[in-house]
Protein backbone atom coordinates (compact mmCIF):
# COMPACT_ATOMS: atom_id res chain seq x y z
CA MET A 1 1.43 1.42 -17.51
CA ASN A 2 2.69 -2.26 -17.31
CA GLY A 3 0.58 -4.38 -19.20
CA MET A 4 -1.42 -2.06 -20.58
CA ALA A 5 -1.82 0.14 -24.21
CA MET A 6 1.16 -2.17 -25.03
CA ASN A 7 0.84 -2.21 -28.86
CA PRO A 8 -2.11 0.82 -29.42
CA ASP A 9 -4.21 0.96 -31.69
CA PRO A 10 -4.67 3.89 -34.34
CA THR A 11 -7.85 4.54 -32.90
CA THR A 12 -6.90 4.33 -29.66
CA LEU A 13 -3.75 7.16 -30.43
CA ALA A 14 -6.47 9.08 -31.90
CA ALA A 15 -8.16 9.28 -28.81
CA ALA A 16 -5.91 10.16 -26.35
CA ALA A 17 -4.58 13.02 -28.52
CA ALA A 18 -7.86 14.15 -28.93
CA LEU A 19 -7.87 14.40 -25.32
CA ARG A 20 -4.14 15.56 -24.62
CA GLN A 21 -5.41 18.45 -26.96
CA ALA A 22 -8.30 19.10 -25.00
CA ARG A 23 -6.06 20.09 -22.35
CA ARG A 24 -3.84 21.77 -23.84
CA ASP A 25 -5.62 23.97 -25.59
CA ARG A 26 -8.22 24.18 -22.48
CA GLN A 27 -11.12 23.66 -24.88
CA THR A 28 -13.39 20.66 -24.23
CA ILE A 29 -14.52 18.25 -26.56
CA GLY A 30 -17.85 15.86 -27.32
CA ARG A 31 -17.58 12.45 -25.90
CA ILE A 32 -14.08 10.02 -27.55
CA SER A 33 -16.64 7.11 -26.91
CA GLU A 34 -18.71 9.04 -29.57
CA SER A 35 -16.12 10.40 -31.39
CA HIS A 36 -13.43 8.10 -31.40
CA GLY A 37 -15.35 4.70 -30.78
CA ILE A 38 -13.77 3.98 -28.10
CA ALA A 39 -15.48 0.95 -26.20
CA GLY A 40 -15.52 -1.27 -22.79
CA LEU A 41 -12.72 -0.68 -19.37
CA SER A 42 -10.17 -1.94 -21.63
CA ALA A 43 -9.75 0.06 -24.20
CA ALA A 44 -10.50 3.39 -21.88
CA TYR A 45 -7.50 3.03 -19.81
CA ALA A 46 -5.64 2.27 -22.83
CA VAL A 47 -6.21 5.55 -23.91
CA ALA A 48 -5.31 7.11 -20.72
CA ALA A 49 -2.16 4.73 -20.57
CA ILE A 50 -0.94 6.57 -24.10
CA ASN A 51 -1.73 10.22 -22.57
CA THR A 52 0.10 8.99 -18.86
CA ARG A 53 3.56 7.96 -20.97
CA ALA A 54 3.04 11.47 -22.59
CA ARG A 55 3.17 12.79 -19.68
CA LEU A 56 6.20 11.12 -18.34
CA GLU A 57 7.93 11.38 -21.57
CA GLU A 58 6.94 15.21 -21.05
CA GLY A 59 9.10 15.05 -16.96
CA ARG A 60 6.39 14.76 -15.00
CA ARG A 61 5.94 12.04 -12.28
CA ILE A 62 3.62 10.42 -11.00
CA ILE A 63 3.24 11.27 -7.06
CA GLY A 64 0.16 9.07 -6.53
CA MET A 65 -3.46 8.14 -7.89
CA LYS A 66 -6.65 9.09 -7.67
CA VAL A 67 -9.85 7.03 -6.84
CA GLY A 68 -13.15 7.87 -8.62
CA LEU A 69 -16.86 6.79 -8.60
CA THR A 70 -16.81 5.43 -4.93
CA SER A 71 -20.06 6.61 -4.92
CA ARG A 72 -22.78 3.88 -4.91
CA ALA A 73 -25.26 6.40 -6.10
CA VAL A 74 -23.21 7.31 -9.33
CA GLN A 75 -22.01 4.44 -9.76
CA GLN A 76 -25.61 3.08 -10.56
CA GLN A 77 -25.93 6.11 -12.24
CA LEU A 78 -23.37 5.25 -15.15
CA GLY A 79 -24.60 1.97 -14.93
CA VAL A 80 -20.92 0.32 -13.28
CA ASP A 81 -20.10 -1.75 -10.07
CA GLN A 82 -17.07 -0.54 -9.36
CA PRO A 83 -14.24 2.43 -9.02
CA ASP A 84 -11.45 3.77 -11.50
CA PHE A 85 -8.75 4.92 -10.83
CA GLY A 86 -6.42 7.56 -12.81
CA MET A 87 -2.65 8.99 -12.34
CA LEU A 88 -1.55 12.20 -9.70
CA PHE A 89 0.99 13.99 -11.69
CA ASP A 90 3.85 16.22 -9.59
CA ASP A 91 2.59 19.34 -11.08
CA MET A 92 -1.05 18.58 -9.89
CA GLU A 93 -0.30 19.00 -5.61
CA PHE A 94 -1.22 22.05 -4.06
CA LEU A 95 -0.91 22.44 -0.24
CA ASN A 96 -3.42 24.26 2.07
CA GLN A 97 -4.21 27.84 1.32
CA GLN A 98 -2.00 27.60 -1.04
CA GLU A 99 -3.63 29.46 -4.83
CA VAL A 100 -4.77 27.14 -7.38
CA PRO A 101 -4.84 28.49 -10.88
CA THR A 102 -8.38 28.44 -12.46
CA GLN A 103 -6.26 28.96 -15.78
CA ARG A 104 -5.25 24.85 -15.70
CA LEU A 105 -8.55 23.92 -15.87
CA MET A 106 -11.59 23.80 -18.10
CA GLN A 107 -15.22 23.60 -15.61
CA PRO A 108 -13.35 22.55 -12.40
CA LYS A 109 -15.12 21.28 -9.91
CA VAL A 110 -14.57 20.14 -5.64
CA GLU A 111 -14.63 17.23 -3.60
CA ALA A 112 -13.60 16.79 -0.17
CA GLU A 113 -11.93 13.75 0.40
CA VAL A 114 -9.57 11.31 2.79
CA ALA A 115 -5.91 11.53 1.82
CA PHE A 116 -3.55 8.95 1.95
CA VAL A 117 0.49 8.55 2.22
CA VAL A 118 1.79 5.55 1.53
CA GLY A 119 4.53 4.68 4.05
CA ARG A 120 5.91 1.65 2.13
CA ASP A 121 5.66 -0.33 -1.64
CA VAL A 122 3.31 -1.89 -1.71
CA THR A 123 4.72 -5.15 -3.53
CA ALA A 124 2.36 -7.93 -2.53
CA GLN A 125 0.54 -9.46 -6.15
CA ALA A 126 -2.84 -8.96 -4.65
CA PRO A 127 -2.25 -7.78 -1.05
CA SER A 128 -4.47 -8.84 2.01
CA TYR A 129 -6.16 -5.67 3.93
CA GLY A 130 -3.45 -6.69 7.11
CA GLU A 131 -0.71 -5.89 4.48
CA PHE A 132 -1.69 -3.35 2.74
CA LEU A 133 -3.20 -1.39 5.84
CA ALA A 134 0.49 -1.81 6.63
CA CYS A 135 2.13 0.49 3.85
CA LEU A 136 -0.14 3.20 5.29
CA ALA A 137 1.79 6.15 6.93
CA TYR A 138 -1.09 8.24 7.77
CA ALA A 139 -4.55 10.60 6.05
CA LEU A 140 -4.79 13.79 5.39
CA PRO A 141 -8.06 16.00 4.77
CA ALA A 142 -7.81 17.18 0.58
CA ILE A 143 -9.81 18.81 -1.71
CA GLU A 144 -9.47 17.48 -5.22
CA ILE A 145 -10.06 19.77 -7.71
CA VAL A 146 -11.72 17.46 -10.85
CA ASP A 147 -12.01 18.61 -14.67
CA SER A 148 -13.09 17.03 -17.66
CA ALA A 149 -11.93 17.20 -21.09
CA ILE A 150 -16.06 16.27 -22.73
CA ALA A 151 -17.89 19.06 -22.56
CA ASP A 152 -20.54 19.87 -20.07
CA TRP A 153 -19.52 16.73 -17.67
CA LYS A 154 -21.61 14.87 -20.08
CA ILE A 155 -19.49 11.63 -19.86
CA THR A 156 -19.98 7.87 -19.68
CA LEU A 157 -17.85 5.73 -17.52
CA VAL A 158 -15.30 5.27 -21.01
CA ASP A 159 -14.83 8.42 -20.99
CA THR A 160 -14.35 9.91 -17.65
CA VAL A 161 -11.53 6.63 -17.15
CA ALA A 162 -9.88 7.68 -20.67
CA ASP A 163 -9.37 11.34 -19.43
CA ASN A 164 -7.08 9.82 -16.59
CA ALA A 165 -10.62 9.42 -14.84
CA SER A 166 -11.14 13.58 -14.43
CA SER A 167 -8.17 14.72 -12.72
CA GLY A 168 -7.41 18.34 -12.89
CA LEU A 169 -5.70 19.59 -9.76
CA PHE A 170 -5.86 18.54 -6.12
CA VAL A 171 -5.39 20.06 -2.26
CA LEU A 172 -3.36 17.83 0.53
CA GLY A 173 -3.70 18.90 4.31
CA ASP A 174 -1.36 20.24 6.88
CA GLN A 175 -1.28 17.73 9.68
CA PRO A 176 -0.81 13.78 8.62
CA VAL A 177 -2.90 11.90 10.91
CA GLY A 178 -2.27 8.03 12.12
CA ILE A 179 -5.05 6.01 10.79
CA GLY A 180 -5.22 3.98 13.49
CA GLN A 181 -6.42 6.97 15.53
CA LEU A 182 -9.13 7.41 13.21
CA SER A 183 -12.79 6.48 13.09
CA LEU A 184 -12.99 7.24 9.30
CA ALA A 185 -16.23 6.39 8.14
CA GLU A 186 -17.45 7.80 10.62
CA LEU A 187 -15.63 10.97 9.49
CA GLY A 188 -17.92 14.02 9.16
CA MET A 189 -17.56 16.32 6.62
CA GLN A 190 -18.58 19.80 5.30
CA MET A 191 -17.13 22.14 2.36
CA THR A 192 -18.59 25.28 2.31
CA LYS A 193 -17.23 27.60 -1.09
CA ASN A 194 -17.01 31.18 -0.28
CA GLY A 195 -18.64 30.70 3.80
CA GLN A 196 -21.38 29.27 2.46
CA LEU A 197 -22.04 25.21 2.99
CA VAL A 198 -22.22 23.15 -0.06
CA SER A 199 -21.10 19.76 0.43
CA THR A 200 -21.96 17.66 3.41
CA GLY A 201 -20.91 13.68 3.73
CA ASN A 202 -19.11 11.00 6.04
CA GLY A 203 -16.43 8.89 5.53
CA ALA A 204 -18.95 5.83 5.12
CA ALA A 205 -19.92 7.49 1.57
CA CYS A 206 -16.57 6.47 -0.55
CA LEU A 207 -17.30 2.37 -0.92
CA GLY A 208 -18.47 2.12 2.42
CA HIS A 209 -15.12 2.96 3.92
CA PRO A 210 -12.15 5.42 2.75
CA LEU A 211 -10.22 2.49 3.60
CA ARG A 212 -11.59 0.12 1.44
CA ALA A 213 -11.85 1.90 -1.68
CA ALA A 214 -7.48 2.78 -1.16
CA TRP A 215 -7.38 -1.60 -0.86
CA TRP A 216 -9.03 -1.83 -3.52
CA LEU A 217 -6.89 0.48 -6.12
CA ALA A 218 -4.02 -1.24 -4.49
CA ARG A 219 -5.36 -4.83 -5.71
CA THR A 220 -6.27 -3.44 -8.59
CA MET A 221 -3.06 -1.86 -9.50
CA ALA A 222 -0.94 -5.10 -8.65
CA GLN A 223 -3.09 -6.81 -11.11
CA HIS A 224 -1.88 -3.81 -13.99
CA GLY A 225 1.32 -5.01 -12.46
CA GLN A 226 1.97 -1.81 -11.22
CA GLY A 227 2.35 -1.51 -7.40
CA LEU A 228 1.71 1.69 -5.26
CA LYS A 229 5.27 3.63 -3.58
CA ALA A 230 7.21 4.99 -0.23
CA GLY A 231 5.33 8.78 -0.23
CA GLN A 232 2.48 8.14 -3.04
CA VAL A 233 -0.75 9.69 -2.48
CA ILE A 234 -3.65 8.07 -2.78
CA LEU A 235 -7.26 9.79 -2.96
CA SER A 236 -9.44 7.77 -1.68
CA GLY A 237 -12.48 9.44 -3.34
CA ALA A 238 -15.25 11.79 -2.80
CA LEU A 239 -17.04 11.97 0.92
CA GLY A 240 -20.35 14.56 -0.52
CA PRO A 241 -20.71 15.94 -3.73
CA MET A 242 -19.10 18.03 -6.15
CA VAL A 243 -19.70 21.29 -6.49
CA PRO A 244 -18.81 23.84 -9.68
CA VAL A 245 -15.87 26.62 -9.30
CA GLN A 246 -14.75 29.88 -10.53
CA ALA A 247 -11.66 31.83 -9.72
CA GLY A 248 -12.17 34.20 -6.69
CA ASP A 249 -14.07 31.52 -4.92
CA LEU A 250 -12.37 30.32 -1.26
CA VAL A 251 -13.46 26.48 -0.23
CA GLN A 252 -13.19 25.00 2.53
CA ALA A 253 -13.36 21.48 3.90
CA GLN A 254 -13.77 20.03 7.48
CA ILE A 255 -13.07 16.60 7.82
CA GLY A 256 -14.01 15.16 11.06
CA ALA A 257 -11.04 14.58 13.43
CA LEU A 258 -8.40 15.15 10.52
CA GLY A 259 -9.38 18.61 10.72
CA THR A 260 -9.79 21.58 7.73
CA VAL A 261 -8.09 21.92 4.49
CA ASN A 262 -8.43 25.02 2.09
CA CYS A 263 -7.43 26.66 -0.47
CA ARG A 264 -8.74 29.88 -3.33
CA MET A 265 -9.36 29.49 -6.58
CA ALA A 266 -7.19 32.16 -8.75
């Protein structure tokens, strides 16, 4: 990413390599904040940027970004006052009713979210809310399958940021809906696993409004010299508690007027 980790030090490189190896081997590791002395958000994002470049060099493409830590309760738990972000690559995307390969993951959990698709490039250095809204095309229901390389999900803010915001895979619903037709903060969410209700919430759980979370992302990326591009997906953050899953589980999320999205963990 532009402006981030242009000349990483050996410790930062080693931390990135440890996370990369953990995901390659599907073997969790301890907190890199402790094992490698990574401290602070700038250092954590520098680690993530190294692995983003590594994925791009392997031939992957960035097709969107995710916002994490949008729940006020989770922010308080980790002692932070802002969300974080991670990259979405082309091999992470699945569509409604597809099987999701758990063999690619280590300790997956699912969250129901509102996804937005960018309609035209967001190029302003610090886009106003109106400028940002004018660049969005529509919303979709989504399931994010988060995954952590840190053993037992015992993460700190630094660890999750360095680990690409604990990104795993994601599933998008079929039918796009114009954002002007929805009251996104009032959308109710119910998520089931194998037919049992496991998570509930609403749009207001995501930084008060999913569009506010997505706007935060646009402004934050602009600060890092990177805009959002037409066609990219924004996962705006969880609408309710995340739930662990394993192979064989059927997950379905109903998000108000956005409709349903489901997947089977294979």
